[in-house]
């Protein structure tokens, strides 16, 4: 949605991004935060690929890789920093 409507989205937070289908990078003005854990290999590879796509398109991206698995506690810990990152100007 951020790729289709950059006028509505200031940032993207993609925690444990799972979809594999081709995706368009958002507008370079839309900041992207994505993360995955080392024990969720599928999510880790798609988050890494998405971060590379955003960077290649000239966007600002932060990729966080943390030791762990698909875990609500890690997301809760990471979410405040993700919000600060995407809203930072």
N, C-alpha and C. Protein backbone atom coordinates (compact mmCIF):
# COMPACT_ATOMS: atom_id res chain seq x y z
N UNK A 1 0.82 -1.19 0.00
CA UNK A 1 0.00 0.00 0.00
C UNK A 1 0.87 1.26 0.00
N UNK A 2 2.00 1.20 0.69
CA UNK A 2 2.88 2.37 0.70
C UNK A 2 3.48 2.62 -0.68
N UNK A 3 3.68 1.57 -1.47
CA UNK A 3 4.19 1.75 -2.82
C UNK A 3 3.12 2.39 -3.72
N UNK A 4 1.87 2.05 -3.48
CA UNK A 4 0.79 2.58 -4.31
C UNK A 4 0.32 3.96 -3.85
N UNK A 5 0.44 4.24 -2.57
CA UNK A 5 -0.10 5.49 -2.02
C UNK A 5 0.90 6.17 -1.08
N UNK A 6 2.04 6.63 -1.62
CA UNK A 6 3.03 7.28 -0.75
C UNK A 6 2.52 8.56 -0.11
N UNK A 7 1.49 9.16 -0.69
CA UNK A 7 0.93 10.37 -0.10
C UNK A 7 0.19 10.07 1.22
N UNK A 8 -0.13 8.80 1.45
CA UNK A 8 -0.85 8.41 2.66
C UNK A 8 0.05 7.76 3.71
N UNK A 9 1.20 7.23 3.28
CA UNK A 9 2.06 6.48 4.18
C UNK A 9 3.41 7.15 4.34
N UNK A 10 3.79 7.39 5.57
CA UNK A 10 5.08 7.99 5.87
C UNK A 10 6.15 6.92 6.11
N UNK A 11 5.70 5.73 6.49
CA UNK A 11 6.64 4.67 6.77
C UNK A 11 6.00 3.30 6.70
N UNK A 12 6.87 2.30 6.65
CA UNK A 12 6.46 0.90 6.64
C UNK A 12 7.19 0.21 7.78
N UNK A 13 6.44 -0.55 8.57
CA UNK A 13 7.04 -1.40 9.59
C UNK A 13 6.66 -2.83 9.22
N UNK A 14 7.64 -3.61 8.83
CA UNK A 14 7.41 -4.99 8.40
C UNK A 14 8.19 -5.92 9.32
N UNK A 15 7.51 -6.43 10.34
CA UNK A 15 8.14 -7.36 11.29
C UNK A 15 7.85 -8.78 10.83
N UNK A 16 8.90 -9.58 10.68
CA UNK A 16 8.77 -10.96 10.20
C UNK A 16 7.99 -11.00 8.90
N UNK A 17 8.45 -10.21 7.94
CA UNK A 17 7.83 -10.15 6.61
C UNK A 17 7.84 -11.54 5.99
N UNK A 18 6.70 -12.01 5.53
CA UNK A 18 6.63 -13.39 5.08
C UNK A 18 6.32 -13.60 3.61
N UNK A 19 5.75 -12.61 2.93
CA UNK A 19 5.33 -12.87 1.56
C UNK A 19 6.52 -12.92 0.62
N UNK A 20 6.45 -13.86 -0.33
CA UNK A 20 7.55 -14.08 -1.26
C UNK A 20 7.29 -13.47 -2.63
N UNK A 21 6.04 -13.19 -2.96
CA UNK A 21 5.74 -12.67 -4.30
C UNK A 21 6.45 -11.34 -4.54
N UNK A 22 6.61 -11.02 -5.80
CA UNK A 22 7.28 -9.77 -6.17
C UNK A 22 6.53 -8.59 -5.54
N UNK A 23 7.29 -7.63 -5.12
CA UNK A 23 6.70 -6.45 -4.49
C UNK A 23 7.46 -5.22 -4.98
N UNK A 24 6.76 -4.15 -5.10
CA UNK A 24 7.36 -2.88 -5.52
C UNK A 24 7.87 -2.15 -4.29
N UNK A 25 9.02 -1.54 -4.41
CA UNK A 25 9.54 -0.73 -3.31
C UNK A 25 8.69 0.53 -3.17
N UNK A 26 8.50 0.99 -1.95
CA UNK A 26 7.75 2.23 -1.77
C UNK A 26 8.54 3.43 -2.29
N UNK A 27 7.88 4.55 -2.40
CA UNK A 27 8.50 5.81 -2.77
C UNK A 27 9.73 6.03 -1.88
N UNK A 28 10.83 6.56 -2.41
CA UNK A 28 12.04 6.76 -1.59
C UNK A 28 11.82 7.65 -0.37
N UNK A 29 10.75 8.43 -0.33
CA UNK A 29 10.46 9.26 0.85
C UNK A 29 9.78 8.49 1.97
N UNK A 30 9.35 7.27 1.69
CA UNK A 30 8.71 6.42 2.70
C UNK A 30 9.80 5.59 3.38
N UNK A 31 9.99 5.81 4.67
CA UNK A 31 11.03 5.07 5.41
C UNK A 31 10.53 3.67 5.75
N UNK A 32 11.44 2.69 5.68
CA UNK A 32 11.07 1.29 5.90
C UNK A 32 11.90 0.69 7.02
N UNK A 33 11.19 0.10 7.98
CA UNK A 33 11.82 -0.67 9.05
C UNK A 33 11.37 -2.11 8.87
N UNK A 34 12.32 -3.02 8.79
CA UNK A 34 11.98 -4.44 8.67
C UNK A 34 12.91 -5.24 9.57
N UNK A 35 12.42 -6.35 10.05
CA UNK A 35 13.24 -7.17 10.95
C UNK A 35 12.82 -8.62 10.88
N UNK A 36 13.71 -9.46 11.38
CA UNK A 36 13.43 -10.89 11.49
C UNK A 36 14.43 -11.49 12.47
N UNK A 37 14.11 -12.66 12.94
CA UNK A 37 14.97 -13.38 13.88
C UNK A 37 15.79 -14.43 13.16
N UNK A 38 16.91 -14.78 13.75
CA UNK A 38 17.84 -15.73 13.14
C UNK A 38 17.27 -17.15 13.07
N UNK A 39 16.27 -17.47 13.90
CA UNK A 39 15.70 -18.81 13.91
C UNK A 39 14.44 -18.92 13.06
N UNK A 40 14.08 -17.86 12.36
CA UNK A 40 12.94 -17.90 11.43
C UNK A 40 13.48 -17.62 10.03
N UNK A 41 14.12 -18.64 9.47
CA UNK A 41 14.91 -18.45 8.25
C UNK A 41 14.11 -17.92 7.07
N UNK A 42 12.89 -18.37 6.87
CA UNK A 42 12.07 -17.86 5.77
C UNK A 42 11.82 -16.37 5.92
N UNK A 43 11.46 -15.94 7.13
CA UNK A 43 11.21 -14.53 7.38
C UNK A 43 12.50 -13.72 7.25
N UNK A 44 13.59 -14.29 7.70
CA UNK A 44 14.88 -13.59 7.63
C UNK A 44 15.27 -13.33 6.17
N UNK A 45 15.09 -14.32 5.32
CA UNK A 45 15.47 -14.12 3.91
C UNK A 45 14.56 -13.10 3.22
N UNK A 46 13.25 -13.13 3.48
CA UNK A 46 12.37 -12.17 2.82
C UNK A 46 12.58 -10.75 3.35
N UNK A 47 12.86 -10.61 4.64
CA UNK A 47 13.14 -9.28 5.20
C UNK A 47 14.43 -8.72 4.59
N UNK A 48 15.43 -9.58 4.44
CA UNK A 48 16.70 -9.16 3.87
C UNK A 48 16.52 -8.75 2.40
N UNK A 49 15.75 -9.53 1.65
CA UNK A 49 15.49 -9.21 0.24
C UNK A 49 14.72 -7.88 0.11
N UNK A 50 13.73 -7.67 0.98
CA UNK A 50 12.94 -6.45 0.94
C UNK A 50 13.81 -5.24 1.26
N UNK A 51 14.68 -5.36 2.27
CA UNK A 51 15.58 -4.26 2.62
C UNK A 51 16.49 -3.92 1.45
N UNK A 52 16.99 -4.92 0.77
CA UNK A 52 17.86 -4.69 -0.39
C UNK A 52 17.09 -3.99 -1.51
N UNK A 53 15.84 -4.37 -1.74
CA UNK A 53 15.02 -3.74 -2.77
C UNK A 53 14.79 -2.26 -2.45
N UNK A 54 14.46 -1.97 -1.20
CA UNK A 54 14.23 -0.57 -0.80
C UNK A 54 15.50 0.25 -0.97
N UNK A 55 16.62 -0.31 -0.52
CA UNK A 55 17.90 0.40 -0.63
C UNK A 55 18.26 0.65 -2.09
N UNK A 56 18.06 -0.36 -2.94
CA UNK A 56 18.38 -0.23 -4.37
C UNK A 56 17.53 0.84 -5.03
N UNK A 57 16.30 1.02 -4.55
CA UNK A 57 15.41 2.02 -5.14
C UNK A 57 15.66 3.43 -4.58
N UNK A 58 16.66 3.55 -3.69
CA UNK A 58 17.00 4.87 -3.15
C UNK A 58 16.29 5.21 -1.86
N UNK A 59 15.59 4.26 -1.29
CA UNK A 59 14.86 4.50 -0.05
C UNK A 59 15.72 4.37 1.19
N UNK A 60 15.17 4.82 2.30
CA UNK A 60 15.82 4.70 3.60
C UNK A 60 15.25 3.49 4.30
N UNK A 61 16.11 2.57 4.69
CA UNK A 61 15.66 1.32 5.29
C UNK A 61 16.54 0.95 6.47
N UNK A 62 15.93 0.35 7.47
CA UNK A 62 16.67 -0.24 8.58
C UNK A 62 16.24 -1.70 8.68
N UNK A 63 17.22 -2.59 8.58
CA UNK A 63 17.00 -4.03 8.72
C UNK A 63 17.60 -4.45 10.06
N UNK A 64 16.79 -5.04 10.91
CA UNK A 64 17.26 -5.52 12.21
C UNK A 64 17.17 -7.04 12.23
N UNK A 65 18.30 -7.68 12.49
CA UNK A 65 18.35 -9.13 12.63
C UNK A 65 18.70 -9.42 14.09
N UNK A 66 17.83 -10.18 14.75
CA UNK A 66 18.04 -10.49 16.16
C UNK A 66 17.99 -11.99 16.37
N UNK A 67 18.75 -12.46 17.35
CA UNK A 67 18.72 -13.86 17.72
C UNK A 67 17.36 -14.15 18.34
N UNK A 68 16.72 -15.20 17.88
CA UNK A 68 15.42 -15.57 18.43
C UNK A 68 14.56 -16.23 17.38
N UNK A 69 13.28 -16.37 17.73
CA UNK A 69 12.32 -16.99 16.81
C UNK A 69 11.11 -16.09 16.68
N UNK A 70 10.05 -16.61 16.11
CA UNK A 70 8.82 -15.86 15.85
C UNK A 70 8.16 -15.58 17.20
N UNK A 71 8.41 -14.39 17.76
CA UNK A 71 8.15 -14.16 19.18
C UNK A 71 7.51 -12.79 19.45
N UNK A 72 6.36 -12.77 20.07
CA UNK A 72 5.65 -11.54 20.39
C UNK A 72 6.46 -10.62 21.29
N UNK A 73 7.21 -11.19 22.22
CA UNK A 73 8.00 -10.38 23.16
C UNK A 73 9.04 -9.55 22.40
N UNK A 74 9.70 -10.13 21.43
CA UNK A 74 10.69 -9.40 20.64
C UNK A 74 10.01 -8.29 19.84
N UNK A 75 8.85 -8.59 19.24
CA UNK A 75 8.13 -7.56 18.48
C UNK A 75 7.74 -6.39 19.38
N UNK A 76 7.25 -6.70 20.58
CA UNK A 76 6.86 -5.64 21.51
C UNK A 76 8.07 -4.79 21.89
N UNK A 77 9.22 -5.41 22.03
CA UNK A 77 10.45 -4.70 22.36
C UNK A 77 10.91 -3.83 21.18
N UNK A 78 10.75 -4.33 19.99
CA UNK A 78 11.25 -3.66 18.79
C UNK A 78 10.33 -2.57 18.26
N UNK A 79 9.04 -2.68 18.49
CA UNK A 79 8.06 -1.78 17.88
C UNK A 79 8.28 -0.30 18.19
N UNK A 80 8.55 0.11 19.43
CA UNK A 80 8.76 1.55 19.69
C UNK A 80 9.90 2.14 18.86
N UNK A 81 11.00 1.42 18.73
CA UNK A 81 12.12 1.89 17.92
C UNK A 81 11.78 1.95 16.45
N UNK A 82 10.96 1.00 16.00
CA UNK A 82 10.52 1.00 14.60
C UNK A 82 9.67 2.24 14.31
N UNK A 83 8.78 2.58 15.23
CA UNK A 83 7.94 3.76 15.04
C UNK A 83 8.79 5.02 15.02
N UNK A 84 9.74 5.12 15.95
CA UNK A 84 10.63 6.29 15.96
C UNK A 84 11.39 6.40 14.64
N UNK A 85 11.86 5.27 14.12
CA UNK A 85 12.61 5.29 12.86
C UNK A 85 11.76 5.77 11.69
N UNK A 86 10.57 5.21 11.52
CA UNK A 86 9.77 5.58 10.35
C UNK A 86 9.22 7.00 10.44
N UNK A 87 9.07 7.53 11.64
CA UNK A 87 8.55 8.89 11.78
C UNK A 87 9.64 9.95 11.86
N UNK A 88 10.89 9.53 11.96
CA UNK A 88 12.01 10.47 12.06
C UNK A 88 12.14 11.26 10.77
N UNK A 89 12.36 12.55 10.91
CA UNK A 89 12.61 13.40 9.73
C UNK A 89 13.79 14.28 10.03
